[in-house]
Amino acid sequence: MIIRKIEPTISAKRKRVAAYARVSMESESMANSLNAQKDHFQKLIESNSEWEFAGIYAEM
């Protein structure tokens, strides 16, 4: 009996992941909230070895 190992044909690319951050009012405290959201999402995405950080879309 001959055993032949078949390698997967699908590449194990990391998923590109982006985040969306938003605040609904323009004020200094809301700007801090937006920065906190952006920092949180970037750290979250970068902490997952299966994800590639693709950026953040943010609006105020």
C-alpha atoms as a PDB file:
ATOM      1  CA  MET A   1       0.000   0.000   0.000  1.00  0.00           C
ATOM      2  CA  ILE A   2       1.339   3.439  -0.967  1.00  0.00           C
ATOM      3  CA  ILE A   3       0.400   6.411   1.193  1.00  0.00           C
ATOM      4  CA  ARG A   4       0.589   9.840  -0.358  1.00  0.00           C
ATOM      5  CA  LYS A   5       0.129  12.999   1.673  1.00  0.00           C
ATOM      6  CA  ILE A   6      -2.013  15.619  -0.056  1.00  0.00           C
ATOM      7  CA  GLU A   7      -1.185  19.182   0.893  1.00  0.00           C
ATOM      8  CA  PRO A   8      -4.006  21.722   1.122  1.00  0.00           C
ATOM      9  CA  THR A   9      -4.428  23.950  -1.928  1.00  0.00           C
ATOM     10  CA  ILE A  10      -5.931  26.850   0.011  1.00  0.00           C
ATOM     11  CA  SER A  11      -3.308  29.266   1.253  1.00  0.00           C
ATOM     12  CA  ALA A  12      -3.346  30.154   4.926  1.00  0.00           C
ATOM     13  CA  LYS A  13      -3.433  33.914   4.380  1.00  0.00           C
ATOM     14  CA  ARG A  14      -4.335  36.114   7.279  1.00  0.00           C
ATOM     15  CA  LYS A  15      -7.645  37.929   7.015  1.00  0.00           C
ATOM     16  CA  ARG A  16      -7.393  41.667   6.489  1.00  0.00           C
ATOM     17  CA  VAL A  17      -9.496  43.305   9.189  1.00  0.00           C
ATOM     18  CA  ALA A  18     -10.502  46.954   9.526  1.00  0.00           C
ATOM     19  CA  ALA A  19     -12.489  48.749  12.218  1.00  0.00           C
ATOM     20  CA  TYR A  20     -15.139  51.455  12.180  1.00  0.00           C
ATOM     21  CA  ALA A  21     -15.164  53.978  15.029  1.00  0.00           C
ATOM     22  CA  ARG A  22     -17.691  56.769  15.465  1.00  0.00           C
ATOM     23  CA  VAL A  23     -18.888  59.369  17.917  1.00  0.00           C
ATOM     24  CA  SER A  24     -22.054  61.373  17.393  1.00  0.00           C
ATOM     25  CA  MET A  25     -21.124  64.712  18.966  1.00  0.00           C
ATOM     26  CA  GLU A  26     -18.191  67.040  18.417  1.00  0.00           C
ATOM     27  CA  SER A  27     -16.582  67.887  21.740  1.00  0.00           C
ATOM     28  CA  GLU A  28     -13.225  67.365  23.396  1.00  0.00           C
ATOM     29  CA  SER A  29     -14.511  64.451  25.481  1.00  0.00           C
ATOM     30  CA  MET A  30     -15.948  62.806  22.367  1.00  0.00           C
ATOM     31  CA  ALA A  31     -12.605  63.236  20.577  1.00  0.00           C
ATOM     32  CA  ASN A  32     -10.982  61.373  23.470  1.00  0.00           C
ATOM     33  CA  SER A  33     -13.646  58.674  23.103  1.00  0.00           C
ATOM     34  CA  LEU A  34     -12.877  58.356  19.404  1.00  0.00           C
ATOM     35  CA  ASN A  35      -9.157  58.002  20.121  1.00  0.00           C
ATOM     36  CA  ALA A  36      -9.907  55.389  22.784  1.00  0.00           C
ATOM     37  CA  GLN A  37     -12.031  53.408  20.310  1.00  0.00           C
ATOM     38  CA  LYS A  38      -9.325  53.577  17.642  1.00  0.00           C
ATOM     39  CA  ASP A  39      -6.635  52.426  20.093  1.00  0.00           C
ATOM     40  CA  HIS A  40      -8.832  49.590  21.363  1.00  0.00           C
ATOM     41  CA  PHE A  41      -9.703  48.253  17.915  1.00  0.00           C
ATOM     42  CA  GLN A  42      -6.143  48.471  16.625  1.00  0.00           C
ATOM     43  CA  LYS A  43      -4.813  46.549  19.641  1.00  0.00           C
ATOM     44  CA  LEU A  44      -7.617  43.988  19.350  1.00  0.00           C
ATOM     45  CA  ILE A  45      -6.947  43.330  15.668  1.00  0.00           C
ATOM     46  CA  GLU A  46      -3.159  43.226  16.061  1.00  0.00           C
ATOM     47  CA  SER A  47      -3.432  40.773  18.973  1.00  0.00           C
ATOM     48  CA  ASN A  48      -5.016  38.125  16.733  1.00  0.00           C
ATOM     49  CA  SER A  49      -2.350  36.242  14.783  1.00  0.00           C
ATOM     50  CA  GLU A  50      -4.905  35.256  12.113  1.00  0.00           C
ATOM     51  CA  TRP A  51      -5.717  38.902  11.297  1.00  0.00           C
ATOM     52  CA  GLU A  52      -3.807  41.587   9.441  1.00  0.00           C
ATOM     53  CA  PHE A  53      -4.576  45.157  10.494  1.00  0.00           C
ATOM     54  CA  ALA A  54      -6.039  46.954   7.442  1.00  0.00           C
ATOM     55  CA  GLY A  55      -6.812  50.283   9.068  1.00  0.00           C
ATOM     56  CA  ILE A  56      -9.560  52.206  10.813  1.00  0.00           C
ATOM     57  CA  TYR A  57     -12.378  54.242   9.338  1.00  0.00           C
ATOM     58  CA  ALA A  58     -13.353  56.901  11.872  1.00  0.00           C
ATOM     59  CA  GLU A  59     -15.878  59.689  11.769  1.00  0.00           C
ATOM     60  CA  MET A  60     -17.055  62.319  14.140  1.00  0.00           C
END
